[in-house]
Amino acid sequence: MSVIIPSFYEKAVQCRARLIGNTRQEEQYMRFRITLIALMLATVVLYSSFAQSEQQIIKLATQRAGSLLTTAGEPLVHCAMGKANMPYEIIKVPWERAQRDTEQGLFDGFFMASRNSRRDEYATWSTPFVTIQWLYVVRKDAEIFLNHLSHLQFAANLGSARLAWLEEQYKQGKLNKTINAVDSNKQALKMLINRRIDVALMNNLDLNKTIKQRSIDPLNLKTFVAKEKPTALYFSKLFLDANAGFLDKFNASLLSCIKEQN
């Protein structure tokens, strides 16, 4: 008995040790499996997020009316976006909506736009690439003195930087009459010809187009240069915050396109 009992006891201890060892191995294996599954899930999520980012389509808004300013700048937008290798689409909407929806995050940018402080609040201006003239357009028989405009009735397009500038002049007391906000260049010229306003503030490209469309004799009008204004593409700050480095890439591509065009 003195020999059997220790032998039996020793085997029992060895068996218990093996069971404990197996249990620990199983626990370690389960922990390994859980960790592996978690890593695989994280990889899938990261890949999905990356794929969505890669496939993001940049939405750019421009004037639905298709102004000559848009026509002048759009080929360079196509060229620069192509060189930047980013998928995009151009959506034509009323100009005021293009700006409002960019501010609200529905569009990633809008063009062609001159720079002003209101737009700078929610968007960032690209390198300018089309320069226009703002023109005071008056009737041929009007006597206009550029240093004495305060008493005149002005009009400019709704949502335009020209309208914002005129309204600022009015707030500062430089103009005495409230500014007429019109829906189109055609409406502005119609009001001018019908003597409902004294001056229409228009850009040179759209003025020439509207004169042809309405068969207006340009000799019946006079123009004076109010300002020389560079124009560009505004990108939403929300978009640029989510796409670090994009603006530099776009501007570099744009400059390359301008060189090729020249």
Protein backbone atom coordinates (compact mmCIF):
# COMPACT_ATOMS: atom_id res chain seq x y z
CA MET A 1 0.00 0.00 0.00
CA SER A 2 2.84 2.35 0.79
CA VAL A 3 3.97 2.05 -2.87
CA ILE A 4 0.58 2.19 -4.63
CA ILE A 5 -0.82 5.27 -2.91
CA PRO A 6 2.04 7.64 -3.82
CA SER A 7 1.97 6.35 -7.40
CA PHE A 8 -1.78 6.91 -7.67
CA TYR A 9 -1.47 10.32 -6.05
CA GLU A 10 1.31 11.33 -8.43
CA LYS A 11 -0.74 10.34 -11.47
CA ALA A 12 -3.72 12.29 -10.17
CA VAL A 13 -1.59 15.40 -9.74
CA GLN A 14 -0.16 15.00 -13.25
CA CYS A 15 -3.66 14.58 -14.70
CA ARG A 16 -4.90 17.67 -12.89
CA ALA A 17 -1.94 19.66 -14.18
CA ARG A 18 -2.65 18.55 -17.72
CA LEU A 19 -6.29 19.59 -17.36
CA ILE A 20 -5.28 22.98 -16.00
CA GLY A 21 -2.76 23.39 -18.84
CA ASN A 22 -5.34 22.44 -21.45
CA THR A 23 -7.84 24.90 -19.98
CA ARG A 24 -5.29 27.70 -20.07
CA GLN A 25 -4.40 26.83 -23.66
CA GLU A 26 -8.07 26.92 -24.61
CA GLU A 27 -8.47 30.29 -22.90
CA GLN A 28 -5.42 31.66 -24.69
CA TYR A 29 -6.70 30.29 -28.00
CA MET A 30 -10.11 31.89 -27.47
CA ARG A 31 -8.49 35.23 -26.63
CA PHE A 32 -6.39 34.92 -29.78
CA ARG A 33 -9.47 34.20 -31.89
CA ILE A 34 -11.35 37.16 -30.43
CA THR A 35 -8.40 39.48 -31.06
CA LEU A 36 -8.03 38.18 -34.63
CA ILE A 37 -11.72 38.70 -35.38
CA ALA A 38 -11.58 42.23 -33.96
CA LEU A 39 -8.59 43.06 -36.15
CA MET A 40 -10.32 41.67 -39.23
CA LEU A 41 -13.45 43.73 -38.52
CA ALA A 42 -11.37 46.87 -37.99
CA THR A 43 -9.59 46.24 -41.31
CA VAL A 44 -12.92 45.89 -43.12
CA VAL A 45 -14.21 49.12 -41.60
CA LEU A 46 -11.04 51.03 -42.47
CA TYR A 47 -11.03 49.68 -46.02
CA SER A 48 -14.69 50.58 -46.47
CA SER A 49 -14.04 54.10 -45.18
CA PHE A 50 -11.02 54.47 -47.45
CA ALA A 51 -12.95 53.21 -50.46
CA GLN A 52 -15.78 55.65 -49.82
CA SER A 53 -13.28 58.50 -49.49
CA GLU A 54 -11.59 57.49 -52.72
CA GLN A 55 -14.94 57.42 -54.54
CA GLN A 56 -16.18 60.76 -53.20
CA ILE A 57 -17.60 62.90 -55.99
CA ILE A 58 -16.89 66.60 -55.60
CA LYS A 59 -20.01 68.65 -56.30
CA LEU A 60 -19.38 72.06 -57.84
CA ALA A 61 -22.18 74.54 -58.55
CA THR A 62 -22.30 77.21 -61.20
CA GLN A 63 -24.91 79.52 -62.71
CA ARG A 64 -27.84 77.79 -64.34
CA ALA A 65 -28.25 80.66 -66.78
CA GLY A 66 -24.87 79.80 -68.28
CA SER A 67 -23.24 83.22 -68.25
CA LEU A 68 -20.26 83.95 -70.45
CA LEU A 69 -18.18 84.24 -67.29
CA THR A 70 -19.01 80.62 -66.49
CA THR A 71 -18.33 79.67 -70.11
CA ALA A 72 -14.94 81.36 -69.92
CA GLY A 73 -13.90 79.63 -66.72
CA GLU A 74 -15.46 76.17 -66.98
CA PRO A 75 -12.85 74.62 -69.33
CA LEU A 76 -10.11 75.47 -66.82
CA VAL A 77 -12.17 73.93 -64.00
CA HIS A 78 -12.50 70.72 -66.03
CA CYS A 79 -8.77 70.74 -66.77
CA ALA A 80 -7.68 71.39 -63.17
CA MET A 81 -10.02 68.79 -61.65
CA GLY A 82 -8.84 66.26 -64.22
CA LYS A 83 -5.20 66.90 -63.41
CA ALA A 84 -6.00 66.67 -59.69
CA ASN A 85 -7.44 63.23 -60.46
CA MET A 86 -10.59 63.75 -58.42
CA PRO A 87 -14.07 62.65 -59.55
CA TYR A 88 -16.43 65.60 -59.78
CA GLU A 89 -19.67 66.86 -61.24
CA ILE A 90 -20.81 70.36 -62.17
CA ILE A 91 -24.37 71.26 -61.23
CA LYS A 92 -26.08 74.30 -62.73
CA VAL A 93 -28.44 76.12 -60.37
CA PRO A 94 -29.51 79.71 -59.69
CA TRP A 95 -26.50 81.70 -58.56
CA GLU A 96 -27.87 82.58 -55.14
CA ARG A 97 -28.63 78.91 -54.45
CA ALA A 98 -25.12 77.87 -55.54
CA GLN A 99 -23.68 80.00 -52.75
CA ARG A 100 -26.31 79.21 -50.12
CA ASP A 101 -26.10 75.45 -50.66
CA THR A 102 -22.30 75.56 -50.52
CA GLU A 103 -22.52 77.33 -47.18
CA GLN A 104 -24.91 74.63 -45.95
CA GLY A 105 -22.63 71.80 -47.12
CA LEU A 106 -24.81 70.59 -50.00
CA PHE A 107 -22.19 71.61 -52.58
CA ASP A 108 -18.40 71.50 -52.20
CA GLY A 109 -17.81 74.73 -54.10
CA PHE A 110 -19.07 77.24 -56.69
CA PHE A 111 -17.68 79.26 -59.61
CA MET A 112 -17.03 81.78 -61.17
CA ALA A 113 -16.97 84.18 -58.25
CA SER A 114 -15.16 87.34 -57.30
CA ARG A 115 -13.93 87.52 -53.74
CA ASN A 116 -15.81 89.19 -50.89
CA SER A 117 -15.89 88.99 -47.10
CA ARG A 118 -19.30 87.29 -46.94
CA ARG A 119 -18.16 84.36 -49.08
CA ASP A 120 -14.88 84.17 -47.16
CA GLU A 121 -16.86 83.26 -44.03
CA TYR A 122 -17.71 79.77 -45.30
CA ALA A 123 -15.47 79.15 -48.31
CA THR A 124 -11.89 79.60 -49.53
CA TRP A 125 -10.99 81.23 -52.84
CA SER A 126 -8.80 79.36 -55.29
CA THR A 127 -6.13 80.96 -57.46
CA PRO A 128 -8.04 83.44 -59.68
CA PHE A 129 -8.15 82.53 -63.36
CA VAL A 130 -10.60 84.84 -65.19
CA THR A 131 -10.58 88.64 -64.87
CA ILE A 132 -13.69 90.66 -65.64
CA GLN A 133 -14.74 94.28 -65.62
CA TRP A 134 -17.64 95.61 -63.60
CA LEU A 135 -19.35 98.22 -65.76
CA TYR A 136 -21.72 101.03 -64.96
CA VAL A 137 -24.24 100.72 -67.81
CA VAL A 138 -26.35 103.81 -68.51
CA ARG A 139 -28.53 105.19 -71.30
CA LYS A 140 -26.80 107.15 -74.04
CA ASP A 141 -28.64 110.34 -73.12
CA ALA A 142 -27.76 110.12 -69.42
CA GLU A 143 -25.36 112.63 -67.93
CA ILE A 144 -23.23 110.66 -65.50
CA PHE A 145 -20.32 111.96 -63.46
CA LEU A 146 -18.30 109.21 -61.80
CA ASN A 147 -17.54 111.38 -58.81
CA HIS A 148 -21.22 112.13 -58.25
CA LEU A 149 -23.30 108.93 -58.26
CA SER A 150 -25.03 109.11 -54.90
CA HIS A 151 -28.40 110.32 -56.22
CA LEU A 152 -28.75 107.60 -58.89
CA GLN A 153 -30.89 104.43 -58.80
CA PHE A 154 -28.78 101.27 -59.22
CA ALA A 155 -29.57 97.62 -59.98
CA ALA A 156 -27.53 94.41 -59.93
CA ASN A 157 -28.16 90.68 -60.08
CA LEU A 158 -29.52 88.89 -57.04
CA GLY A 159 -26.78 86.94 -55.24
CA SER A 160 -23.96 88.68 -57.11
CA ALA A 161 -20.89 90.27 -55.57
CA ARG A 162 -21.88 93.40 -57.48
CA LEU A 163 -25.13 93.61 -55.55
CA ALA A 164 -23.31 93.06 -52.24
CA TRP A 165 -20.86 95.84 -53.12
CA LEU A 166 -23.63 98.30 -54.03
CA GLU A 167 -25.54 97.50 -50.85
CA GLU A 168 -22.38 98.16 -48.85
CA GLN A 169 -22.03 101.52 -50.60
CA TYR A 170 -25.61 102.29 -49.60
CA LYS A 171 -24.99 101.33 -45.96
CA GLN A 172 -21.96 103.60 -45.88
CA GLY A 173 -24.04 106.51 -47.16
CA LYS A 174 -22.25 106.72 -50.50
CA LEU A 175 -25.50 105.95 -52.34
CA ASN A 176 -28.81 107.50 -51.32
CA LYS A 177 -31.31 105.13 -52.93
CA THR A 178 -31.96 101.49 -52.08
CA ILE A 179 -30.50 99.03 -54.56
CA ASN A 180 -32.72 97.04 -56.92
CA ALA A 181 -31.96 93.30 -56.86
CA VAL A 182 -32.92 91.80 -60.22
CA ASP A 183 -33.23 88.17 -61.32
CA SER A 184 -31.30 88.49 -64.58
CA ASN A 185 -29.19 90.73 -66.79
CA LYS A 186 -32.13 90.95 -69.20
CA GLN A 187 -34.30 92.37 -66.45
CA ALA A 188 -31.63 94.91 -65.51
CA LEU A 189 -31.32 96.22 -69.07
CA LYS A 190 -35.09 96.29 -69.51
CA MET A 191 -35.43 98.41 -66.37
CA LEU A 192 -32.65 100.68 -67.61
CA ILE A 193 -34.19 101.19 -71.05
CA ASN A 194 -37.61 101.81 -69.49
CA ARG A 195 -36.04 104.42 -67.17
CA ARG A 196 -36.95 102.58 -63.98
CA ILE A 197 -33.29 102.69 -62.93
CA ASP A 198 -30.38 104.96 -63.80
CA VAL A 199 -27.49 102.49 -63.71
CA ALA A 200 -27.15 98.73 -64.16
CA LEU A 201 -23.95 97.30 -62.70
CA MET A 202 -22.97 94.36 -64.93
CA ASN A 203 -19.86 92.46 -65.90
CA ASN A 204 -18.52 93.03 -69.40
CA LEU A 205 -19.00 89.46 -70.62
CA ASP A 206 -22.65 89.17 -69.65
CA LEU A 207 -23.41 92.67 -70.93
CA ASN A 208 -22.24 91.79 -74.44
CA LYS A 209 -24.22 88.56 -74.40
CA THR A 210 -27.42 90.23 -73.18
CA ILE A 211 -27.17 93.01 -75.77
CA LYS A 212 -27.07 90.38 -78.54
CA GLN A 213 -29.91 88.31 -77.04
CA ARG A 214 -32.24 91.31 -76.73
CA SER A 215 -31.15 92.86 -80.05
CA ILE A 216 -30.28 96.10 -78.27
CA ASP A 217 -28.37 98.71 -80.22
CA PRO A 218 -25.17 99.12 -78.18
CA LEU A 219 -24.98 102.72 -79.41
CA ASN A 220 -27.97 103.46 -77.18
CA LEU A 221 -25.88 102.63 -74.11
CA LYS A 222 -22.77 104.00 -72.46
CA THR A 223 -20.46 102.15 -70.10
CA PHE A 224 -17.90 103.18 -67.49
CA VAL A 225 -15.48 100.82 -65.77
CA ALA A 226 -16.32 100.57 -62.07
CA LYS A 227 -13.83 97.86 -61.11
CA GLU A 228 -11.46 95.22 -62.49
CA LYS A 229 -12.34 91.96 -60.72
CA PRO A 230 -10.47 88.64 -60.78
CA THR A 231 -12.74 85.61 -60.39
CA ALA A 232 -12.13 82.07 -59.24
CA LEU A 233 -13.63 78.94 -57.68
CA TYR A 234 -14.69 78.99 -54.03
CA PHE A 235 -14.29 75.68 -52.13
CA SER A 236 -16.35 75.08 -49.00
CA LYS A 237 -14.31 75.18 -45.79
CA LEU A 238 -16.17 72.04 -44.67
CA PHE A 239 -14.89 70.24 -47.76
CA LEU A 240 -11.33 71.52 -47.40
CA ASP A 241 -11.21 70.58 -43.70
CA ALA A 242 -12.11 67.01 -44.67
CA ASN A 243 -9.63 66.95 -47.59
CA ALA A 244 -6.36 68.35 -46.30
CA GLY A 245 -3.98 69.48 -49.05
CA PHE A 246 -6.63 69.47 -51.77
CA LEU A 247 -6.62 73.22 -52.42
CA ASP A 248 -2.85 73.28 -52.98
CA LYS A 249 -3.21 70.35 -55.36
CA PHE A 250 -6.03 72.04 -57.25
CA ASN A 251 -4.20 75.37 -57.52
CA ALA A 252 -1.06 73.64 -58.82
CA SER A 253 -3.14 71.81 -61.42
CA LEU A 254 -4.93 75.03 -62.34
CA LEU A 255 -1.68 76.91 -62.93
CA SER A 256 -0.49 74.07 -65.14
CA CYS A 257 -3.72 74.30 -67.17
CA ILE A 258 -3.36 78.07 -67.53
CA LYS A 259 0.18 77.65 -68.87
CA GLU A 260 -1.03 75.05 -71.36
CA GLN A 261 -3.86 77.33 -72.48
CA ASN A 262 -1.49 80.22 -73.09
